[in-house]
Amino acid sequence: MCSDPYCVVSTDGDVEVCRTSVHDRTLSPVWDCHVSVDVDCRRVVALEFQVWDKDMLSSDDIMGVAR
Protein backbone atom coordinates (compact mmCIF):
# COMPACT_ATOMS: atom_id res chain seq x y z
CA MET A 1 0.00 0.00 0.00
CA CYS A 2 1.33 3.44 -0.92
CA SER A 3 0.12 6.98 -0.55
CA ASP A 4 0.88 10.32 -2.14
CA PRO A 5 0.99 12.46 1.03
CA TYR A 6 1.14 16.21 1.48
CA CYS A 7 0.78 18.42 4.55
CA VAL A 8 -1.46 21.43 5.12
CA VAL A 9 -0.72 23.85 7.98
CA SER A 10 -3.53 26.06 9.21
CA THR A 11 -4.34 28.35 12.11
CA ASP A 12 -7.20 27.18 14.30
CA GLY A 13 -8.01 24.57 11.67
CA ASP A 14 -9.59 26.98 9.21
CA VAL A 15 -7.07 29.46 7.72
CA GLU A 16 -4.50 27.69 5.53
CA VAL A 17 -1.01 29.18 5.87
CA CYS A 18 1.13 26.58 4.09
CA ARG A 19 0.82 23.51 1.85
CA THR A 20 3.74 21.22 1.06
CA SER A 21 4.50 19.44 -2.16
CA VAL A 22 3.13 15.93 -2.73
CA HIS A 23 5.50 13.01 -2.16
CA ASP A 24 4.64 10.24 -4.62
CA ARG A 25 4.16 6.61 -3.53
CA THR A 26 5.44 6.66 0.07
CA LEU A 27 4.18 6.01 3.58
CA SER A 28 7.21 7.74 5.16
CA PRO A 29 7.38 11.26 3.73
CA VAL A 30 9.96 13.77 4.92
CA TRP A 31 9.37 17.44 4.19
CA ASP A 32 12.60 19.34 4.71
CA CYS A 33 11.22 22.85 4.37
CA HIS A 34 11.13 26.05 6.36
CA VAL A 35 8.15 28.37 6.52
CA SER A 36 7.74 31.73 8.22
CA VAL A 37 4.24 32.60 9.38
CA ASP A 38 3.13 35.81 11.08
CA VAL A 39 0.76 34.80 13.88
CA ASP A 40 -1.24 37.12 16.12
CA CYS A 41 -0.93 35.26 19.44
CA ARG A 42 -3.85 37.24 20.84
CA ARG A 43 -6.19 35.70 18.25
CA VAL A 44 -4.71 32.38 17.11
CA VAL A 45 -5.32 29.50 19.49
CA ALA A 46 -3.53 26.66 17.66
CA LEU A 47 -1.54 25.62 14.61
CA GLU A 48 -2.93 22.50 12.97
CA PHE A 49 -1.00 20.09 10.73
CA GLN A 50 -3.08 17.84 8.47
CA VAL A 51 -1.53 15.09 6.36
CA TRP A 52 -3.54 14.20 3.27
CA ASP A 53 -3.30 11.50 0.60
CA LYS A 54 -3.56 13.01 -2.89
CA ASP A 55 -6.02 11.10 -5.09
CA MET A 56 -6.35 11.63 -8.82
CA LEU A 57 -9.78 10.07 -9.37
CA SER A 58 -11.55 10.99 -6.12
CA SER A 59 -11.34 13.51 -3.30
CA ASP A 60 -8.18 13.51 -1.17
CA ASP A 61 -8.23 11.43 2.01
CA ILE A 62 -7.07 12.71 5.39
CA MET A 63 -4.35 10.55 6.96
CA GLY A 64 -3.79 12.35 10.25
CA VAL A 65 -4.00 15.59 12.26
CA ALA A 66 -1.72 17.16 14.88
CA ARG A 67 -2.39 20.30 16.91
C-alpha atoms as a PDB file:
ATOM      1  CA  MET A   1       0.000   0.000   0.000  1.00  0.00           C
ATOM      2  CA  CYS A   2       1.334   3.443  -0.922  1.00  0.00           C
ATOM      3  CA  SER A   3       0.118   6.975  -0.549  1.00  0.00           C
ATOM      4  CA  ASP A   4       0.879  10.324  -2.144  1.00  0.00           C
ATOM      5  CA  PRO A   5       0.995  12.460   1.033  1.00  0.00           C
ATOM      6  CA  TYR A   6       1.139  16.212   1.475  1.00  0.00           C
ATOM      7  CA  CYS A   7       0.783  18.415   4.555  1.00  0.00           C
ATOM      8  CA  VAL A   8      -1.464  21.425   5.122  1.00  0.00           C
ATOM      9  CA  VAL A   9      -0.718  23.846   7.980  1.00  0.00           C
ATOM     10  CA  SER A  10      -3.529  26.057   9.212  1.00  0.00           C
ATOM     11  CA  THR A  11      -4.343  28.354  12.110  1.00  0.00           C
ATOM     12  CA  ASP A  12      -7.203  27.183  14.301  1.00  0.00           C
ATOM     13  CA  GLY A  13      -8.010  24.566  11.668  1.00  0.00           C
ATOM     14  CA  ASP A  14      -9.588  26.984   9.214  1.00  0.00           C
ATOM     15  CA  VAL A  15      -7.070  29.455   7.718  1.00  0.00           C
ATOM     16  CA  GLU A  16      -4.497  27.691   5.533  1.00  0.00           C
ATOM     17  CA  VAL A  17      -1.009  29.182   5.868  1.00  0.00           C
ATOM     18  CA  CYS A  18       1.127  26.580   4.088  1.00  0.00           C
ATOM     19  CA  ARG A  19       0.823  23.512   1.851  1.00  0.00           C
ATOM     20  CA  THR A  20       3.743  21.216   1.059  1.00  0.00           C
ATOM     21  CA  SER A  21       4.496  19.438  -2.164  1.00  0.00           C
ATOM     22  CA  VAL A  22       3.126  15.928  -2.730  1.00  0.00           C
ATOM     23  CA  HIS A  23       5.500  13.010  -2.160  1.00  0.00           C
ATOM     24  CA  ASP A  24       4.639  10.242  -4.616  1.00  0.00           C
ATOM     25  CA  ARG A  25       4.163   6.614  -3.532  1.00  0.00           C
ATOM     26  CA  THR A  26       5.438   6.663   0.071  1.00  0.00           C
ATOM     27  CA  LEU A  27       4.180   6.014   3.584  1.00  0.00           C
ATOM     28  CA  SER A  28       7.206   7.736   5.162  1.00  0.00           C
ATOM     29  CA  PRO A  29       7.377  11.260   3.735  1.00  0.00           C
ATOM     30  CA  VAL A  30       9.956  13.770   4.918  1.00  0.00           C
ATOM     31  CA  TRP A  31       9.370  17.445   4.193  1.00  0.00           C
ATOM     32  CA  ASP A  32      12.601  19.342   4.705  1.00  0.00           C
ATOM     33  CA  CYS A  33      11.217  22.849   4.372  1.00  0.00           C
ATOM     34  CA  HIS A  34      11.130  26.050   6.362  1.00  0.00           C
ATOM     35  CA  VAL A  35       8.147  28.374   6.516  1.00  0.00           C
ATOM     36  CA  SER A  36       7.735  31.728   8.223  1.00  0.00           C
ATOM     37  CA  VAL A  37       4.240  32.604   9.379  1.00  0.00           C
ATOM     38  CA  ASP A  38       3.127  35.805  11.078  1.00  0.00           C
ATOM     39  CA  VAL A  39       0.760  34.804  13.876  1.00  0.00           C
ATOM     40  CA  ASP A  40      -1.244  37.121  16.118  1.00  0.00           C
ATOM     41  CA  CYS A  41      -0.931  35.260  19.444  1.00  0.00           C
ATOM     42  CA  ARG A  42      -3.854  37.241  20.836  1.00  0.00           C
ATOM     43  CA  ARG A  43      -6.193  35.696  18.253  1.00  0.00           C
ATOM     44  CA  VAL A  44      -4.711  32.378  17.111  1.00  0.00           C
ATOM     45  CA  VAL A  45      -5.316  29.497  19.487  1.00  0.00           C
ATOM     46  CA  ALA A  46      -3.527  26.660  17.661  1.00  0.00           C
ATOM     47  CA  LEU A  47      -1.535  25.617  14.613  1.00  0.00           C
ATOM     48  CA  GLU A  48      -2.933  22.500  12.967  1.00  0.00           C
ATOM     49  CA  PHE A  49      -0.996  20.087  10.731  1.00  0.00           C
ATOM     50  CA  GLN A  50      -3.079  17.840   8.475  1.00  0.00           C
ATOM     51  CA  VAL A  51      -1.525  15.090   6.358  1.00  0.00           C
ATOM     52  CA  TRP A  52      -3.539  14.203   3.272  1.00  0.00           C
ATOM     53  CA  ASP A  53      -3.298  11.499   0.600  1.00  0.00           C
ATOM     54  CA  LYS A  54      -3.564  13.007  -2.887  1.00  0.00           C
ATOM     55  CA  ASP A  55      -6.023  11.098  -5.090  1.00  0.00           C
ATOM     56  CA  MET A  56      -6.350  11.632  -8.819  1.00  0.00           C
ATOM     57  CA  LEU A  57      -9.782  10.066  -9.371  1.00  0.00           C
ATOM     58  CA  SER A  58     -11.554  10.987  -6.123  1.00  0.00           C
ATOM     59  CA  SER A  59     -11.341  13.510  -3.305  1.00  0.00           C
ATOM     60  CA  ASP A  60      -8.179  13.513  -1.173  1.00  0.00           C
ATOM     61  CA  ASP A  61      -8.233  11.433   2.014  1.00  0.00           C
ATOM     62  CA  ILE A  62      -7.072  12.714   5.389  1.00  0.00           C
ATOM     63  CA  MET A  63      -4.348  10.549   6.957  1.00  0.00           C
ATOM     64  CA  GLY A  64      -3.787  12.353  10.254  1.00  0.00           C
ATOM     65  CA  VAL A  65      -4.004  15.592  12.256  1.00  0.00           C
ATOM     66  CA  ALA A  66      -1.718  17.159  14.876  1.00  0.00           C
ATOM     67  CA  ARG A  67      -2.390  20.298  16.913  1.00  0.00           C
END
